[in-house]
Protein backbone atom coordinates (compact mmCIF):
# COMPACT_ATOMS: atom_id res chain seq x y z
CA MET A 1 6.71 -20.40 -39.56
CA ASP A 2 4.19 -23.62 -39.15
CA SER A 3 1.13 -21.86 -40.17
CA THR A 4 -0.79 -24.60 -38.02
CA ALA A 5 0.68 -23.23 -34.87
CA THR A 6 -1.22 -21.54 -32.13
CA PRO A 7 -0.83 -17.77 -32.38
CA LYS A 8 1.15 -16.32 -29.38
CA VAL A 9 -1.49 -14.00 -28.37
CA MET A 10 -2.46 -12.31 -24.89
CA VAL A 11 0.41 -12.73 -22.70
CA ASP A 12 0.83 -11.67 -19.54
CA SER A 13 3.82 -12.13 -18.37
CA TYR A 14 3.72 -11.64 -14.83
CA LEU A 15 0.98 -14.22 -14.32
CA ASP A 16 3.21 -16.66 -15.93
CA TRP A 17 5.78 -15.82 -13.74
CA VAL A 18 3.81 -16.36 -10.93
CA LYS A 19 2.64 -19.42 -11.69
CA LYS A 20 6.36 -20.53 -12.64
CA GLU A 21 7.40 -19.86 -9.21
CA GLY A 22 4.84 -22.04 -7.78
CA LEU A 23 3.24 -19.09 -5.58
CA PRO A 24 -0.55 -19.63 -4.49
CA ILE A 25 -2.61 -16.75 -5.85
CA THR A 26 -5.15 -15.05 -3.70
CA GLU A 27 -7.62 -12.98 -5.21
CA ASP A 28 -10.48 -11.13 -3.85
CA PHE A 29 -12.06 -7.48 -3.39
CA GLY A 30 -10.48 -7.40 0.40
CA VAL A 31 -8.20 -9.80 1.98
CA ASP A 32 -7.02 -10.55 5.40
CA LEU A 33 -3.50 -10.74 4.83
CA PHE A 34 -3.12 -12.61 8.31
CA GLN A 35 -5.12 -15.54 6.51
CA VAL A 36 -3.23 -15.86 3.56
CA GLU A 37 -1.81 -19.10 2.50
CA THR A 38 1.37 -19.22 1.98
CA ARG A 39 3.78 -22.03 0.15
CA PRO A 40 7.69 -22.46 -0.16
CA TRP A 41 8.89 -19.90 -2.51
CA ALA A 42 12.45 -21.18 -3.34
CA ARG A 43 13.30 -17.56 -4.75
CA PHE A 44 13.26 -16.33 -1.09
CA ASP A 45 13.91 -19.40 0.59
CA ALA A 46 11.10 -18.62 2.71
CA GLN A 47 7.00 -19.11 2.79
CA GLY A 48 5.14 -16.63 0.01
CA ALA A 49 2.01 -15.80 -1.79
CA ALA A 50 0.83 -13.70 -4.09
CA VAL A 51 -2.45 -11.32 -3.65
CA HIS A 52 -4.24 -10.13 -6.62
CA LEU A 53 -7.20 -7.61 -5.57
CA LYS A 54 -9.66 -6.62 -7.56
CA GLY A 55 -8.44 -3.54 -8.09
CA ARG A 56 -5.11 -3.79 -8.19
CA GLY A 57 -5.50 -2.27 -11.76
CA ASP A 58 -2.03 -2.97 -14.45
CA PHE A 59 1.13 -2.07 -12.82
CA ILE A 60 0.91 -3.71 -9.04
CA SER A 61 0.34 -6.44 -6.92
CA MET A 62 1.24 -7.81 -3.26
CA PHE A 63 3.18 -10.41 -1.93
CA VAL A 64 3.16 -12.18 1.58
CA LEU A 65 6.59 -13.18 2.96
CA GLU A 66 6.54 -15.57 5.78
CA ILE A 67 10.45 -16.00 7.76
CA ALA A 68 10.34 -18.70 9.76
CA PRO A 69 12.10 -18.60 13.44
CA SER A 70 15.39 -17.65 13.75
CA LYS A 71 15.54 -17.91 9.64
CA ALA A 72 17.15 -15.30 6.64
CA THR A 73 15.63 -14.58 3.27
CA ALA A 74 17.82 -15.66 0.31
CA PRO A 75 19.57 -12.55 -0.85
CA GLN A 76 17.83 -10.41 -3.46
CA ARG A 77 18.59 -8.00 -5.95
CA HIS A 78 15.58 -6.83 -8.69
CA LEU A 79 14.63 -4.55 -11.30
CA TYR A 80 11.44 -3.53 -9.64
CA GLU A 81 9.92 -1.41 -6.77
CA GLU A 82 8.65 -2.51 -3.44
CA VAL A 83 7.23 -0.98 -0.26
CA VAL A 84 7.31 -3.27 2.28
CA TYR A 85 4.73 -3.45 5.32
CA VAL A 86 5.53 -5.23 8.78
CA LEU A 87 2.34 -7.33 9.61
CA SER A 88 3.86 -9.14 12.70
CA GLY A 89 7.36 -10.15 13.94
CA ARG A 90 10.56 -8.57 14.53
CA GLY A 91 13.55 -8.79 12.77
CA SER A 92 16.31 -6.75 10.50
CA THR A 93 16.62 -5.95 6.83
CA THR A 94 20.22 -5.65 5.45
CA ILE A 95 20.86 -3.23 2.35
CA GLU A 96 24.08 -3.13 0.55
CA THR A 97 24.79 -0.45 -1.49
CA PRO A 98 26.74 -0.05 -4.48
CA ASP A 99 29.62 1.20 -2.66
CA GLY A 100 30.06 -2.00 -0.73
CA ARG A 101 28.66 -0.65 2.61
CA LYS A 102 25.68 -2.40 4.67
CA HIS A 103 22.55 -0.66 5.94
CA MET A 104 20.97 -2.30 8.47
CA PHE A 105 17.87 -1.67 10.51
CA GLU A 106 15.56 -3.26 12.83
CA TRP A 107 11.70 -3.78 12.02
CA GLY A 108 8.47 -4.66 14.05
CA PRO A 109 4.83 -4.63 13.64
CA ARG A 110 3.59 -1.85 11.57
CA SER A 111 7.12 -0.99 10.73
CA MET A 112 7.05 0.19 6.62
CA PHE A 113 10.52 0.59 4.56
CA ALA A 114 11.42 0.78 0.68
CA ILE A 115 14.12 -1.13 -0.82
CA PRO A 116 16.27 1.22 -3.32
CA LEU A 117 15.91 -0.08 -6.71
CA ASN A 118 17.96 -2.95 -7.58
CA ALA A 119 19.87 -3.05 -4.30
CA LYS A 120 20.72 -6.24 -2.79
CA TYR A 121 19.16 -7.50 0.07
CA ARG A 122 18.36 -9.57 2.80
CA HIS A 123 15.58 -10.09 5.33
CA PHE A 124 16.34 -11.91 9.12
CA ASN A 125 13.60 -12.90 11.54
CA GLY A 126 14.80 -12.09 15.03
CA SER A 127 12.73 -14.50 16.81
CA GLY A 128 13.95 -17.86 17.66
CA SER A 129 10.21 -18.95 18.29
CA GLU A 130 7.71 -16.60 15.82
CA PRO A 131 7.56 -16.48 12.36
CA ALA A 132 7.78 -12.88 10.64
CA ARG A 133 5.18 -12.17 8.43
CA LEU A 134 5.92 -9.28 5.87
CA VAL A 135 3.85 -7.57 3.02
CA SER A 136 5.20 -5.75 -0.16
CA THR A 137 3.41 -3.81 -2.38
CA THR A 138 5.46 -4.17 -5.79
CA SER A 139 5.44 -2.96 -9.35
CA LEU A 140 6.54 -6.18 -10.70
CA PRO A 141 3.72 -6.49 -13.00
CA ALA A 142 4.51 -3.53 -14.92
CA VAL A 143 8.20 -4.15 -15.02
CA MET A 144 7.65 -8.01 -15.91
CA ASN A 145 5.08 -7.05 -18.67
CA MET A 146 7.18 -4.55 -20.07
CA PHE A 147 10.55 -6.60 -20.49
CA HIS A 148 9.04 -10.23 -20.53
CA ASN A 149 12.83 -11.49 -19.20
CA GLU A 150 13.33 -12.84 -16.06
CA ALA A 151 17.03 -12.79 -16.38
CA PHE A 152 17.17 -9.08 -16.99
CA ILE A 153 14.87 -8.29 -13.98
CA PHE A 154 16.95 -10.35 -11.63
CA GLU A 155 20.34 -10.65 -12.63
CA ASN A 156 21.00 -6.97 -13.90
CA ASN A 157 24.01 -5.37 -12.09
CA PHE A 158 23.14 -1.71 -12.99
CA ASN A 159 23.51 0.58 -10.04
CA PHE A 160 21.10 3.16 -9.42
CA ASP A 161 23.40 5.38 -6.97
CA GLU A 162 20.77 8.08 -6.68
CA ARG A 163 18.13 5.72 -5.29
CA ILE A 164 20.33 5.23 -1.79
CA GLY A 165 19.87 8.49 0.09
CA SER A 166 20.73 9.93 2.93
CA ALA A 167 22.59 7.42 5.70
CA LYS A 168 20.13 8.73 8.23
CA TYR A 169 17.09 7.42 5.77
CA PHE A 170 17.88 3.42 6.86
CA ASP A 171 18.09 4.76 10.61
CA GLY A 172 14.16 5.72 11.05
CA GLU A 173 14.98 9.48 10.10
CA GLY A 174 13.84 11.72 7.18
CA ASP A 175 13.23 15.06 6.11
CA PHE A 176 10.16 16.75 6.41
CA ILE A 177 9.30 18.56 2.55
CA PRO A 178 6.16 21.22 2.96
CA VAL A 179 4.21 21.36 0.37
CA ARG A 180 0.52 21.83 0.77
CA PRO A 181 -1.98 20.47 3.22
CA GLY A 182 -2.62 16.82 2.16
CA ASN A 183 0.57 16.80 -0.16
CA HIS A 184 3.17 17.18 2.80
CA MET A 185 5.86 14.68 2.39
CA TRP A 186 8.30 12.51 5.01
CA GLU A 187 11.51 11.32 2.78
CA THR A 188 12.94 8.25 4.08
CA ASN A 189 13.81 4.56 3.34
CA PHE A 190 12.58 3.23 6.82
CA VAL A 191 9.26 4.45 9.30
CA PRO A 192 9.85 2.15 12.53
CA ASP A 193 6.17 2.77 13.68
CA LEU A 194 3.47 3.92 10.89
CA ALA A 195 0.99 4.06 14.06
CA SER A 196 3.03 6.70 15.67
CA ILE A 197 4.45 9.02 12.98
CA GLU A 198 3.25 12.48 13.21
CA LEU A 199 0.69 13.29 10.36
CA LYS A 200 -0.50 17.02 9.42
CA PRO A 201 -4.17 18.22 9.11
CA TRP A 202 -5.71 17.55 5.87
CA GLY A 203 -9.17 19.58 6.39
CA ASP A 204 -10.28 19.28 2.55
CA ARG A 205 -10.88 15.33 3.18
CA GLY A 206 -13.25 16.34 6.05
CA ALA A 207 -13.82 15.65 9.75
CA GLY A 208 -10.31 16.62 10.95
CA GLY A 209 -8.33 13.98 9.59
CA THR A 210 -4.54 13.96 9.05
CA ASN A 211 -2.32 12.52 6.52
CA ILE A 212 1.57 12.44 5.71
CA MET A 213 2.53 11.38 2.03
CA PHE A 214 6.33 9.27 1.65
CA ILE A 215 9.10 9.68 -0.60
CA LEU A 216 10.30 6.28 -0.32
CA ALA A 217 14.23 5.67 -1.53
CA ASP A 218 13.12 8.43 -4.20
CA GLY A 219 10.89 5.70 -5.99
CA THR A 220 7.82 5.89 -8.32
CA MET A 221 5.71 4.17 -5.58
CA HIS A 222 3.45 5.95 -3.84
CA ALA A 223 2.40 5.77 0.15
CA HIS A 224 0.62 7.69 2.49
CA ILE A 225 -1.27 7.00 5.84
CA SER A 226 -3.82 9.15 6.84
CA GLU A 227 -5.73 9.08 10.10
CA MET A 228 -9.53 9.79 11.42
CA PRO A 229 -10.31 10.69 14.67
CA VAL A 230 -12.85 8.70 17.21
CA GLY A 231 -16.37 9.16 15.73
CA THR A 232 -15.60 10.78 12.29
CA TYR A 233 -15.57 9.24 8.76
CA LYS A 234 -13.98 10.87 5.74
CA LYS A 235 -15.35 12.47 2.44
CA ALA A 236 -16.30 9.82 -0.22
CA HIS A 237 -13.79 9.85 -3.80
CA ARG A 238 -12.99 8.22 -6.54
CA HIS A 239 -9.55 7.80 -8.56
CA GLY A 240 -7.98 5.10 -10.84
CA ALA A 241 -7.42 1.76 -9.88
CA ASP A 242 -4.31 0.49 -8.00
CA PHE A 243 -4.42 2.23 -4.30
CA HIS A 244 -4.09 -0.91 -2.06
CA VAL A 245 -5.73 0.52 1.07
CA MET A 246 -4.19 -1.64 4.31
CA CYS A 247 -5.49 -0.76 8.06
CA VAL A 248 -2.55 -0.19 10.40
CA THR A 249 -4.67 1.05 13.60
CA GLY A 250 -8.47 1.01 14.63
CA THR A 251 -11.25 -1.02 13.32
CA GLY A 252 -13.77 0.22 10.75
CA TYR A 253 -15.36 -0.28 7.47
CA SER A 254 -15.30 1.09 3.91
CA LEU A 255 -18.16 1.29 1.70
CA LEU A 256 -17.44 1.19 -2.39
CA TRP A 257 -19.93 1.80 -4.96
CA TYR A 258 -20.14 2.99 -8.85
CA ASP A 259 -22.07 6.16 -9.63
CA GLY A 260 -25.72 5.01 -10.15
CA GLU A 261 -25.56 1.90 -8.11
CA PRO A 262 -28.57 1.50 -6.05
CA ASP A 263 -26.09 -0.24 -2.88
CA PHE A 264 -23.19 -0.09 -1.47
CA HIS A 265 -20.14 -2.85 -1.33
CA ARG A 266 -19.07 -2.88 2.33
CA VAL A 267 -15.53 -3.76 3.43
CA ASP A 268 -14.79 -4.11 7.34
CA TRP A 269 -11.59 -3.77 8.43
CA GLN A 270 -8.90 -4.24 11.00
CA HIS A 271 -5.11 -4.42 11.21
CA GLY A 272 -4.25 -6.65 8.61
CA THR A 273 -6.94 -5.96 5.97
CA VAL A 274 -6.53 -4.86 2.49
CA PHE A 275 -8.47 -3.88 -0.55
CA ALA A 276 -8.29 -2.03 -3.51
CA PRO A 277 -11.14 0.31 -4.79
CA PRO A 278 -11.45 -0.66 -8.84
CA ASP A 279 -11.03 2.10 -11.50
CA GLN A 280 -13.32 5.20 -10.64
CA MET A 281 -15.25 3.32 -7.80
CA PHE A 282 -16.51 5.87 -5.36
CA HIS A 283 -15.59 4.91 -2.02
CA GLN A 284 -15.99 6.09 1.69
CA HIS A 285 -13.82 5.07 4.96
CA PHE A 286 -15.24 5.22 8.40
CA ASN A 287 -13.80 4.88 11.99
CA ALA A 288 -15.98 2.29 13.86
CA CYS A 289 -14.03 2.12 17.15
CA PRO A 290 -13.14 4.05 20.30
CA GLU A 291 -9.65 5.05 19.04
CA PRO A 292 -8.23 6.86 16.19
CA ALA A 293 -8.14 4.63 12.75
CA ARG A 294 -4.85 4.76 10.46
CA TYR A 295 -4.71 3.19 7.21
CA LEU A 296 -1.63 2.87 4.77
CA ALA A 297 -2.25 3.47 0.97
CA THR A 298 0.14 2.19 -1.55
CA ALA A 299 0.05 2.49 -5.36
CA TYR A 300 2.16 3.27 -8.53
CA GLY A 301 2.99 6.98 -9.24
CA SER A 302 4.27 9.03 -6.41
CA LEU A 303 3.70 12.94 -5.57
CA ARG A 304 7.66 13.16 -6.63
CA TYR A 305 7.03 10.73 -9.93
CA PRO A 306 3.08 10.75 -10.51
CA PHE A 307 3.75 8.37 -13.78
CA THR A 308 0.35 8.79 -15.28
CA GLU A 309 -1.90 11.76 -15.71
CA SER A 310 -4.71 10.24 -13.87
CA LYS A 311 -2.20 9.69 -10.71
CA ARG A 312 -1.21 13.38 -11.06
CA LYS A 313 -4.79 14.33 -10.80
CA SER A 314 -5.39 12.27 -7.92
CA LEU A 315 -2.58 12.93 -5.98
CA PHE A 316 -2.49 16.98 -6.52
CA GLY A 317 -6.02 17.93 -5.37
CA GLY A 318 -8.65 15.83 -7.33
CA VAL A 319 -9.47 13.53 -4.52
CA SER A 320 -10.17 16.62 -2.36
CA THR A 321 -12.14 18.51 -4.86
CA SER A 322 -15.66 18.34 -4.98
CA LEU A 323 -17.65 17.02 -7.96
CA LYS A 324 -19.38 20.43 -8.42
CA ASN A 325 -15.83 22.10 -8.85
CA GLY A 326 -14.44 19.45 -11.57
CA GLY A 327 -12.79 17.50 -9.12
CA ASP A 328 -13.55 13.67 -7.71
CA GLN A 329 -14.99 14.17 -3.95
CA ILE A 330 -18.70 14.10 -2.68
CA GLU A 331 -19.12 16.69 0.16
CA TYR A 332 -20.94 15.81 3.08
CA ALA A 333 -23.76 17.89 1.88
CA ASP A 334 -24.31 15.78 -1.16
CA GLN A 335 -23.93 12.44 0.06
CA ASN A 336 -26.49 9.98 0.43
CA PRO A 337 -28.66 10.21 3.93
CA ARG A 338 -28.08 6.52 4.17
CA VAL A 339 -24.22 6.85 4.58
CA GLN A 340 -25.01 8.90 8.03
CA GLN A 341 -27.73 6.33 9.17
CA MET A 342 -25.31 3.27 8.67
CA TYR A 343 -22.38 5.05 10.66
CA GLU A 344 -24.82 5.87 13.43
CA GLU A 345 -25.96 2.59 13.72
CA ALA A 346 -22.46 0.84 13.29
CA THR A 347 -20.95 3.14 16.38
CA ARG A 348 -24.14 2.57 18.43
CA LYS A 349 -22.92 -0.98 18.43
CA ALA A 350 -19.36 -0.19 19.32
CA GLY A 351 -20.32 2.08 21.98
CA VAL A 352 -18.72 5.16 20.25
CA THR A 353 -20.11 8.87 20.24
CA VAL A 354 -20.62 10.15 16.67
CA ARG A 355 -18.66 13.64 16.50
CA MET A 356 -19.63 14.63 12.91
CA SER A 357 -22.24 17.56 13.76
CA ALA A 358 -19.82 20.19 13.39
CA PHE A 359 -18.44 18.77 10.10
CA LEU A 360 -22.40 17.91 8.48
């Protein structure tokens, strides 16, 4: 071995791969996904970009994919999981299962779906005049840094038959699995419209909020959707990095701060805005519009397969248990008085009546 050679250390195989793919990278605390610059992505035969949020953690990242009118992506197959959300446009996706059958479903704005692990798939833009813009949260950083072998990840023929699930999971149907408030699950592969799916009450998170957790393609990728009624906001909490929070309906803002910080970081959001709270950074979500506000959160480690001890604690009670009881939630009675003052100012500007008195 040449003693003068530069040592091979501190390699990030995922970042090296993104660079080799020629993808532009958008990196920030919060990002408007509609404004992300895309470039030709040969692998998909479409426009693409990588989105790296400050709080993305070690396991996941996002990709924006823009499909030209009447075009389709090149066929894909890979050993990482992904949850896809439709930002704009209408089209369809075809998934080929190991037995040779093809499942096709049609999507539109605010649809969400998961690609079963290592299944063959292809996206089609159904419009002859408008592009379609999708965003996917994927576990590629974890997988690429674990194996650092592109061929193994993209040219592997192993079939994960158990990930396909029932045929109805590709038709917008699913199975409701009751667990407990905050942890009720909807198992499926495809949700036609996140704005209309029925949610369940979760009183521990405050102010009449509702939610549902998803099990998608029997995967380790997590997704849940929460809704805040008009004139309300959630209790603050903290957890590990990687939860990507994306607005689905309504407008509002989130405050973020580390314990002991004198001021807040603020992210204003609308449909297409995404941010990821960094590790153990408190954050609190506020509906500041005259309609219910929904947001989708994706992460690595699901309720079925938590993957890490941190995710196990967060997903099953930690984020809805008071700090005083060993959890990671700040109760309304213990929050900074400025929180309520800021909310009253924001809702006054929007002409919204605050409905927090019953909860405070």
